[in-house]
Structures are given as structure tokens and as C-alpha cells.
């Protein structure tokens, strides 16, 4: 049982370790004026990618108490 819980923890951490490429530093800004700065201090509020049909969206909770769906390629707000 302990092995199974360690495996689940390892898989959870592996999924949440996506990051920007070094070449995108300073170019890609995830702070949107309308929604605020994403919360990343907890696994439950950290930005996460979700597949909806054939599209991918980025869901995130922000410091302004907003749940936002963003386009991962350009950061635009999805409706």
C-alpha cells in the first residue's frame, strides 16, 4: 500500500513539473491584467492543462479569486 501511495505522489509531481522553456523567459507573461497572477503555491490551485475536445486549455486560479481558462499558445482568455 505504501508503494502505491508513493507511486501516486511521484506521478502527481511529474505531471505538475511543466515549465516554460528558457528561451521564453521574459517573453511569455502569464500575468493577465483582467484575471491577475496565477496561484502556484498549492497543487490544487496551480495552473493545469486540460483537453477539451481537440483543444487544450490552461485552467488556473488567481490571486484575484478568479478561475480562468487560457489559451496556452498565446495566453488569451477562453470563453
N, C-alpha and C. Protein backbone atom coordinates (compact mmCIF):
# COMPACT_ATOMS: atom_id res chain seq x y z
N UNK A 1 0.83 -1.20 0.00
CA UNK A 1 0.00 0.00 0.00
C UNK A 1 0.87 1.26 0.00
N UNK A 2 1.95 1.22 0.78
CA UNK A 2 2.85 2.37 0.84
C UNK A 2 3.50 2.62 -0.52
N UNK A 3 3.85 1.54 -1.21
CA UNK A 3 4.44 1.67 -2.54
C UNK A 3 3.46 2.33 -3.50
N UNK A 4 2.19 1.96 -3.42
CA UNK A 4 1.18 2.55 -4.28
C UNK A 4 1.00 4.05 -3.99
N UNK A 5 0.97 4.43 -2.73
CA UNK A 5 0.82 5.85 -2.40
C UNK A 5 2.05 6.65 -2.83
N UNK A 6 3.24 6.06 -2.73
CA UNK A 6 4.45 6.75 -3.21
C UNK A 6 4.44 6.91 -4.72
N UNK A 7 3.93 5.88 -5.42
CA UNK A 7 3.83 5.95 -6.87
C UNK A 7 2.85 7.04 -7.30
N UNK A 8 1.71 7.13 -6.62
CA UNK A 8 0.73 8.18 -6.93
C UNK A 8 1.34 9.56 -6.68
N UNK A 9 2.06 9.73 -5.58
CA UNK A 9 2.72 11.01 -5.30
C UNK A 9 3.73 11.35 -6.38
N UNK A 10 4.53 10.38 -6.79
CA UNK A 10 5.53 10.61 -7.82
C UNK A 10 4.88 11.00 -9.15
N UNK A 11 3.81 10.32 -9.53
CA UNK A 11 3.11 10.66 -10.77
C UNK A 11 2.48 12.04 -10.70
N UNK A 12 1.94 12.40 -9.54
CA UNK A 12 1.35 13.73 -9.37
C UNK A 12 2.41 14.82 -9.53
N UNK A 13 3.56 14.61 -8.93
CA UNK A 13 4.63 15.60 -9.05
C UNK A 13 5.17 15.67 -10.47
N UNK A 14 5.24 14.54 -11.15
CA UNK A 14 5.74 14.52 -12.52
C UNK A 14 4.84 15.30 -13.45
N UNK A 15 3.53 15.25 -13.25
CA UNK A 15 2.58 15.95 -14.10
C UNK A 15 2.64 17.45 -13.86
N UNK A 16 2.94 17.88 -12.64
CA UNK A 16 2.91 19.30 -12.32
C UNK A 16 4.25 19.99 -12.50
N UNK A 17 5.22 19.36 -13.14
CA UNK A 17 6.54 19.97 -13.29
C UNK A 17 6.77 20.59 -14.66
N UNK A 18 5.70 20.86 -15.41
CA UNK A 18 5.85 21.54 -16.70
C UNK A 18 6.29 22.97 -16.46
N UNK A 19 7.14 23.47 -17.34
CA UNK A 19 7.64 24.83 -17.18
C UNK A 19 7.86 25.46 -18.56
N UNK A 20 8.13 26.74 -18.56
CA UNK A 20 8.47 27.42 -19.80
C UNK A 20 9.88 27.03 -20.24
N UNK A 21 10.12 27.09 -21.50
CA UNK A 21 11.47 26.89 -21.99
C UNK A 21 12.31 28.11 -21.63
N UNK A 22 13.59 27.90 -21.48
CA UNK A 22 14.48 29.00 -21.12
C UNK A 22 14.42 30.13 -22.15
N UNK A 23 14.19 29.79 -23.40
CA UNK A 23 14.12 30.82 -24.45
C UNK A 23 12.88 31.70 -24.32
N UNK A 24 11.84 31.26 -23.56
CA UNK A 24 10.61 32.03 -23.38
C UNK A 24 10.64 32.95 -22.17
N UNK A 25 11.68 32.88 -21.37
CA UNK A 25 11.76 33.71 -20.17
C UNK A 25 11.79 35.18 -20.58
N UNK A 26 10.90 35.96 -20.00
CA UNK A 26 10.81 37.38 -20.31
C UNK A 26 9.94 37.69 -21.52
N UNK A 27 9.60 36.67 -22.31
CA UNK A 27 8.76 36.87 -23.48
C UNK A 27 7.32 36.51 -23.16
N UNK A 28 7.12 35.35 -22.53
CA UNK A 28 5.79 34.89 -22.17
C UNK A 28 5.45 35.40 -20.79
N UNK A 29 4.36 36.14 -20.66
CA UNK A 29 3.93 36.71 -19.39
C UNK A 29 2.60 36.10 -19.01
N UNK A 30 2.55 35.33 -17.92
CA UNK A 30 1.32 34.67 -17.51
C UNK A 30 0.47 35.56 -16.62
N UNK A 31 0.86 36.80 -16.37
CA UNK A 31 0.06 37.72 -15.58
C UNK A 31 -0.89 38.46 -16.52
N UNK A 32 -2.17 38.14 -16.47
CA UNK A 32 -3.17 38.80 -17.29
C UNK A 32 -3.82 39.90 -16.47
N UNK A 33 -3.94 41.08 -17.02
CA UNK A 33 -4.48 42.23 -16.30
C UNK A 33 -5.90 41.97 -15.78
N UNK A 34 -6.72 41.28 -16.55
CA UNK A 34 -8.11 41.06 -16.16
C UNK A 34 -8.28 39.99 -15.08
N UNK A 35 -7.37 39.04 -15.02
CA UNK A 35 -7.57 37.93 -14.08
C UNK A 35 -6.57 37.92 -12.93
N UNK A 36 -5.40 38.51 -13.09
CA UNK A 36 -4.42 38.56 -12.01
C UNK A 36 -3.33 37.52 -12.17
N UNK A 37 -2.54 37.38 -11.12
CA UNK A 37 -1.38 36.48 -11.12
C UNK A 37 -1.84 35.08 -10.71
N UNK A 38 -1.47 34.04 -11.47
CA UNK A 38 -1.87 32.68 -11.11
C UNK A 38 -1.29 32.25 -9.77
N UNK A 39 -2.07 31.48 -9.01
CA UNK A 39 -1.60 30.90 -7.75
C UNK A 39 -0.86 29.61 -8.07
N UNK A 40 0.34 29.47 -7.58
CA UNK A 40 1.11 28.25 -7.86
C UNK A 40 1.68 27.62 -6.59
N UNK A 41 1.28 28.08 -5.42
CA UNK A 41 1.83 27.57 -4.17
C UNK A 41 1.23 26.27 -3.71
N UNK A 42 0.17 25.79 -4.35
CA UNK A 42 -0.51 24.57 -3.94
C UNK A 42 -0.85 23.75 -5.17
N UNK A 43 -0.85 22.42 -5.03
CA UNK A 43 -1.21 21.56 -6.15
C UNK A 43 -2.65 21.78 -6.60
N UNK A 44 -3.52 22.18 -5.70
CA UNK A 44 -4.92 22.37 -6.06
C UNK A 44 -5.18 23.67 -6.81
N UNK A 45 -4.31 24.66 -6.66
CA UNK A 45 -4.51 25.94 -7.35
C UNK A 45 -3.50 26.19 -8.45
N UNK A 46 -2.52 25.33 -8.62
CA UNK A 46 -1.50 25.52 -9.64
C UNK A 46 -2.13 25.40 -11.03
N UNK A 47 -1.63 26.16 -12.01
CA UNK A 47 -2.15 26.05 -13.37
C UNK A 47 -2.04 24.62 -13.88
N UNK A 48 -3.06 24.17 -14.62
CA UNK A 48 -3.09 22.80 -15.14
C UNK A 48 -3.65 22.79 -16.55
N UNK A 49 -3.08 21.95 -17.40
CA UNK A 49 -3.55 21.80 -18.77
C UNK A 49 -4.68 20.78 -18.81
N UNK A 50 -5.74 21.08 -19.55
CA UNK A 50 -6.87 20.18 -19.73
C UNK A 50 -7.23 20.11 -21.21
N UNK A 51 -7.63 18.92 -21.65
CA UNK A 51 -8.02 18.72 -23.04
C UNK A 51 -9.54 18.77 -23.14
N UNK A 52 -10.04 19.64 -24.00
CA UNK A 52 -11.48 19.78 -24.24
C UNK A 52 -11.69 19.55 -25.73
N UNK A 53 -12.23 18.38 -26.07
CA UNK A 53 -12.35 18.03 -27.48
C UNK A 53 -10.96 17.88 -28.07
N UNK A 54 -10.68 18.61 -29.15
CA UNK A 54 -9.35 18.57 -29.75
C UNK A 54 -8.51 19.79 -29.36
N UNK A 55 -9.00 20.58 -28.43
CA UNK A 55 -8.29 21.78 -27.96
C UNK A 55 -7.69 21.54 -26.58
N UNK A 56 -6.65 22.26 -26.25
CA UNK A 56 -6.05 22.23 -24.93
C UNK A 56 -6.23 23.60 -24.30
N UNK A 57 -6.65 23.65 -23.04
CA UNK A 57 -6.78 24.91 -22.32
C UNK A 57 -5.98 24.84 -21.03
N UNK A 58 -5.62 25.98 -20.52
CA UNK A 58 -4.90 26.09 -19.26
C UNK A 58 -5.86 26.66 -18.23
N UNK A 59 -6.15 25.88 -17.19
CA UNK A 59 -7.02 26.35 -16.12
C UNK A 59 -6.16 26.79 -14.95
N UNK A 60 -6.51 27.95 -14.37
CA UNK A 60 -5.74 28.46 -13.25
C UNK A 60 -6.62 29.28 -12.31
N UNK A 61 -6.31 29.22 -11.04
CA UNK A 61 -6.92 30.11 -10.06
C UNK A 61 -5.94 31.26 -9.83
N UNK A 62 -6.45 32.45 -9.56
CA UNK A 62 -5.57 33.60 -9.42
C UNK A 62 -5.73 34.27 -8.05
N UNK A 63 -4.82 35.17 -7.78
CA UNK A 63 -4.86 35.93 -6.54
C UNK A 63 -6.05 36.86 -6.42
N UNK A 64 -6.74 37.11 -7.53
CA UNK A 64 -7.94 37.95 -7.52
C UNK A 64 -9.21 37.13 -7.34
N UNK A 65 -9.07 35.86 -6.90
CA UNK A 65 -10.21 34.94 -6.73
C UNK A 65 -10.95 34.70 -8.03
N UNK A 66 -10.21 34.50 -9.10
CA UNK A 66 -10.77 34.24 -10.43
C UNK A 66 -10.29 32.87 -10.88
N UNK A 67 -11.20 32.08 -11.43
CA UNK A 67 -10.84 30.84 -12.10
C UNK A 67 -10.85 31.15 -13.59
N UNK A 68 -9.71 30.99 -14.23
CA UNK A 68 -9.58 31.40 -15.62
C UNK A 68 -9.22 30.23 -16.52
N UNK A 69 -9.72 30.27 -17.76
CA UNK A 69 -9.35 29.33 -18.81
C UNK A 69 -8.60 30.12 -19.87
N UNK A 70 -7.36 29.75 -20.11
CA UNK A 70 -6.50 30.49 -21.03
C UNK A 70 -6.07 29.61 -22.19
N UNK A 71 -5.79 30.26 -23.30
CA UNK A 71 -5.20 29.60 -24.46
C UNK A 71 -3.71 29.45 -24.18
N UNK A 72 -3.17 28.21 -24.15
CA UNK A 72 -1.76 28.03 -23.77
C UNK A 72 -0.76 28.63 -24.76
N UNK A 73 -1.13 28.75 -26.02
CA UNK A 73 -0.18 29.23 -27.01
C UNK A 73 0.07 30.73 -26.92
N UNK A 74 -0.97 31.52 -26.64
CA UNK A 74 -0.79 32.97 -26.61
C UNK A 74 -1.29 33.65 -25.33
N UNK A 75 -1.88 32.90 -24.42
CA UNK A 75 -2.33 33.46 -23.15
C UNK A 75 -3.66 34.19 -23.22
N UNK A 76 -4.36 34.12 -24.35
CA UNK A 76 -5.65 34.80 -24.46
C UNK A 76 -6.69 34.09 -23.60
N UNK A 77 -7.69 34.83 -23.15
CA UNK A 77 -8.74 34.29 -22.30
C UNK A 77 -9.74 33.53 -23.15
N UNK A 78 -10.03 32.27 -22.75
CA UNK A 78 -11.00 31.44 -23.47
C UNK A 78 -12.38 31.66 -22.88
N UNK A 79 -13.40 31.68 -23.70
CA UNK A 79 -14.78 31.83 -23.23
C UNK A 79 -15.44 30.48 -23.15
